[in-house]
Amino acid sequence: MPVRYKVDVLAALKEKGYSSYKIRTDKIFGEATLQKIRRGEPVSWDVLGKICTLLSCQPGDILEYAPEDSTAQN
């Protein structure tokens, strides 16, 4: 996928006081969403918006476009 996280989202959330335990117990995100973030998989726009709210940032602060290798497409 050409879009990836440029920061460790869970580490950044932890720095703001949101541990995985707190995220689950306060029902901020479900376990499936946490697993997607851990694996670097895409999440919904709603989840991305919530992450940006919690981190007080813009999507561009945590995501980046990384073009796929053009030789791999041939």
N, C-alpha and C. Protein backbone atom coordinates (compact mmCIF):
# COMPACT_ATOMS: atom_id res chain seq x y z
N MET A 1 0.85 -1.18 0.00
CA MET A 1 0.00 0.00 0.00
C MET A 1 0.89 1.24 0.00
N PRO A 2 0.59 2.22 -0.80
CA PRO A 2 1.46 3.38 -0.91
C PRO A 2 1.34 4.40 0.23
N VAL A 3 0.41 4.22 1.15
CA VAL A 3 0.30 5.12 2.30
C VAL A 3 0.66 4.32 3.55
N ARG A 4 1.54 4.89 4.37
CA ARG A 4 1.95 4.18 5.58
C ARG A 4 2.09 5.16 6.73
N TYR A 5 2.14 4.60 7.93
CA TYR A 5 2.34 5.42 9.12
C TYR A 5 3.79 5.85 9.18
N LYS A 6 4.03 7.12 9.44
CA LYS A 6 5.41 7.58 9.55
C LYS A 6 5.84 7.71 11.00
N VAL A 7 4.91 7.45 11.93
CA VAL A 7 5.24 7.42 13.35
C VAL A 7 4.63 6.15 13.93
N ASP A 8 5.14 5.73 15.07
CA ASP A 8 4.54 4.62 15.80
C ASP A 8 3.34 5.19 16.53
N VAL A 9 2.16 4.97 15.98
CA VAL A 9 0.94 5.58 16.50
C VAL A 9 0.69 5.17 17.95
N LEU A 10 0.86 3.90 18.26
CA LEU A 10 0.60 3.45 19.63
C LEU A 10 1.59 4.06 20.62
N ALA A 11 2.84 4.22 20.22
CA ALA A 11 3.82 4.86 21.09
C ALA A 11 3.48 6.33 21.30
N ALA A 12 3.03 6.99 20.24
CA ALA A 12 2.65 8.40 20.35
C ALA A 12 1.44 8.55 21.26
N LEU A 13 0.47 7.63 21.14
CA LEU A 13 -0.70 7.67 22.02
C LEU A 13 -0.29 7.43 23.47
N LYS A 14 0.64 6.50 23.67
CA LYS A 14 1.10 6.19 25.02
C LYS A 14 1.76 7.42 25.66
N GLU A 15 2.53 8.17 24.87
CA GLU A 15 3.16 9.39 25.37
C GLU A 15 2.12 10.41 25.83
N LYS A 16 0.95 10.37 25.20
CA LYS A 16 -0.15 11.29 25.57
C LYS A 16 -1.02 10.73 26.69
N GLY A 17 -0.64 9.55 27.22
CA GLY A 17 -1.38 8.96 28.33
C GLY A 17 -2.42 7.93 27.94
N TYR A 18 -2.38 7.47 26.70
CA TYR A 18 -3.33 6.48 26.22
C TYR A 18 -2.64 5.15 25.97
N SER A 19 -2.52 4.33 27.01
CA SER A 19 -1.93 3.00 26.86
C SER A 19 -2.93 2.09 26.14
N SER A 20 -2.46 0.96 25.65
CA SER A 20 -3.36 0.01 24.99
C SER A 20 -4.48 -0.40 25.94
N TYR A 21 -4.14 -0.59 27.20
CA TYR A 21 -5.14 -0.97 28.20
C TYR A 21 -6.20 0.12 28.33
N LYS A 22 -5.78 1.37 28.46
CA LYS A 22 -6.72 2.48 28.60
C LYS A 22 -7.58 2.62 27.35
N ILE A 23 -6.98 2.45 26.19
CA ILE A 23 -7.72 2.56 24.92
C ILE A 23 -8.83 1.51 24.88
N ARG A 24 -8.50 0.28 25.32
CA ARG A 24 -9.52 -0.78 25.31
C ARG A 24 -10.57 -0.57 26.40
N THR A 25 -10.15 -0.28 27.63
CA THR A 25 -11.10 -0.17 28.73
C THR A 25 -12.00 1.05 28.60
N ASP A 26 -11.47 2.14 28.04
CA ASP A 26 -12.29 3.34 27.82
C ASP A 26 -13.06 3.27 26.50
N LYS A 27 -12.89 2.16 25.79
CA LYS A 27 -13.58 1.90 24.52
C LYS A 27 -13.35 3.00 23.49
N ILE A 28 -12.09 3.46 23.44
CA ILE A 28 -11.71 4.45 22.43
C ILE A 28 -11.60 3.77 21.07
N PHE A 29 -10.90 2.62 21.05
CA PHE A 29 -10.80 1.76 19.87
C PHE A 29 -10.98 0.33 20.32
N GLY A 30 -11.46 -0.51 19.42
CA GLY A 30 -11.58 -1.93 19.70
C GLY A 30 -10.26 -2.65 19.47
N GLU A 31 -10.20 -3.89 19.88
CA GLU A 31 -8.99 -4.69 19.72
C GLU A 31 -8.62 -4.87 18.26
N ALA A 32 -9.61 -5.05 17.39
CA ALA A 32 -9.32 -5.23 15.96
C ALA A 32 -8.64 -4.00 15.39
N THR A 33 -9.08 -2.82 15.79
CA THR A 33 -8.47 -1.57 15.32
C THR A 33 -7.05 -1.45 15.85
N LEU A 34 -6.85 -1.79 17.11
CA LEU A 34 -5.49 -1.75 17.68
C LEU A 34 -4.56 -2.70 16.92
N GLN A 35 -5.06 -3.86 16.57
CA GLN A 35 -4.24 -4.82 15.81
C GLN A 35 -3.88 -4.26 14.43
N LYS A 36 -4.83 -3.61 13.78
CA LYS A 36 -4.54 -3.00 12.47
C LYS A 36 -3.44 -1.95 12.60
N ILE A 37 -3.54 -1.13 13.62
CA ILE A 37 -2.52 -0.09 13.83
C ILE A 37 -1.17 -0.74 14.10
N ARG A 38 -1.14 -1.77 14.94
CA ARG A 38 0.12 -2.48 15.25
C ARG A 38 0.78 -3.04 13.99
N ARG A 39 -0.04 -3.54 13.08
CA ARG A 39 0.48 -4.15 11.85
C ARG A 39 0.73 -3.15 10.74
N GLY A 40 0.41 -1.89 10.98
CA GLY A 40 0.61 -0.86 9.96
C GLY A 40 -0.43 -0.89 8.87
N GLU A 41 -1.56 -1.50 9.16
CA GLU A 41 -2.63 -1.60 8.17
C GLU A 41 -3.50 -0.34 8.22
N PRO A 42 -4.19 -0.05 7.12
CA PRO A 42 -5.04 1.14 7.09
C PRO A 42 -6.24 1.00 8.03
N VAL A 43 -6.68 2.13 8.55
CA VAL A 43 -7.86 2.18 9.41
C VAL A 43 -8.87 3.13 8.76
N SER A 44 -10.08 3.16 9.28
CA SER A 44 -11.12 4.01 8.71
C SER A 44 -10.81 5.49 8.93
N TRP A 45 -11.51 6.33 8.18
CA TRP A 45 -11.35 7.78 8.34
C TRP A 45 -11.78 8.20 9.74
N ASP A 46 -12.81 7.55 10.27
CA ASP A 46 -13.27 7.88 11.62
C ASP A 46 -12.18 7.61 12.65
N VAL A 47 -11.52 6.47 12.53
CA VAL A 47 -10.44 6.12 13.46
C VAL A 47 -9.28 7.09 13.28
N LEU A 48 -8.94 7.39 12.03
CA LEU A 48 -7.86 8.34 11.77
C LEU A 48 -8.19 9.70 12.39
N GLY A 49 -9.43 10.13 12.26
CA GLY A 49 -9.84 11.39 12.88
C GLY A 49 -9.71 11.35 14.39
N LYS A 50 -10.07 10.23 14.99
CA LYS A 50 -9.97 10.08 16.45
C LYS A 50 -8.51 10.11 16.89
N ILE A 51 -7.65 9.45 16.13
CA ILE A 51 -6.21 9.46 16.44
C ILE A 51 -5.69 10.90 16.39
N CYS A 52 -6.07 11.63 15.35
CA CYS A 52 -5.63 13.02 15.21
C CYS A 52 -6.14 13.88 16.36
N THR A 53 -7.36 13.63 16.80
CA THR A 53 -7.91 14.37 17.94
C THR A 53 -7.11 14.08 19.20
N LEU A 54 -6.84 12.80 19.46
CA LEU A 54 -6.11 12.42 20.67
C LEU A 54 -4.68 12.94 20.67
N LEU A 55 -4.06 12.98 19.49
CA LEU A 55 -2.66 13.43 19.38
C LEU A 55 -2.54 14.91 19.06
N SER A 56 -3.66 15.58 18.85
CA SER A 56 -3.66 17.01 18.46
C SER A 56 -2.77 17.23 17.25
N CYS A 57 -3.06 16.49 16.19
CA CYS A 57 -2.23 16.58 14.99
C CYS A 57 -3.10 16.50 13.74
N GLN A 58 -2.48 16.61 12.59
CA GLN A 58 -3.13 16.48 11.30
C GLN A 58 -2.78 15.10 10.72
N PRO A 59 -3.60 14.56 9.83
CA PRO A 59 -3.29 13.26 9.23
C PRO A 59 -1.88 13.20 8.62
N GLY A 60 -1.44 14.28 8.02
CA GLY A 60 -0.11 14.32 7.42
C GLY A 60 1.02 14.19 8.44
N ASP A 61 0.71 14.40 9.70
CA ASP A 61 1.72 14.24 10.75
C ASP A 61 1.98 12.78 11.07
N ILE A 62 1.02 11.91 10.74
CA ILE A 62 1.18 10.50 11.08
C ILE A 62 1.18 9.57 9.86
N LEU A 63 0.76 10.09 8.69
CA LEU A 63 0.74 9.29 7.47
C LEU A 63 1.64 9.91 6.41
N GLU A 64 2.16 9.06 5.55
CA GLU A 64 2.95 9.55 4.43
C GLU A 64 2.69 8.70 3.20
N TYR A 65 2.85 9.32 2.06
CA TYR A 65 2.74 8.60 0.79
C TYR A 65 4.11 8.04 0.46
N ALA A 66 4.16 6.75 0.24
CA ALA A 66 5.41 6.09 -0.13
C ALA A 66 5.16 5.31 -1.42
N PRO A 67 5.51 5.90 -2.56
CA PRO A 67 5.22 5.22 -3.82
C PRO A 67 5.87 3.83 -3.87
N GLU A 68 5.12 2.91 -4.43
CA GLU A 68 5.64 1.56 -4.58
C GLU A 68 6.75 1.55 -5.62
N ASP A 69 7.63 0.61 -5.50
CA ASP A 69 8.74 0.48 -6.43
C ASP A 69 8.18 0.21 -7.82
N SER A 70 8.52 1.07 -8.79
CA SER A 70 7.96 0.95 -10.15
C SER A 70 8.37 -0.36 -10.82
N THR A 71 9.51 -0.92 -10.46
CA THR A 71 9.94 -2.19 -11.07
C THR A 71 9.09 -3.35 -10.57
N ALA A 72 8.52 -3.22 -9.38
CA ALA A 72 7.69 -4.30 -8.82
C ALA A 72 6.35 -4.37 -9.54
N GLN A 73 5.93 -3.30 -10.21
CA GLN A 73 4.64 -3.28 -10.88
C GLN A 73 4.71 -3.93 -12.26
N ASN A 74 5.88 -4.08 -12.81
CA ASN A 74 6.03 -4.64 -14.16
C ASN A 74 6.00 -6.14 -14.14
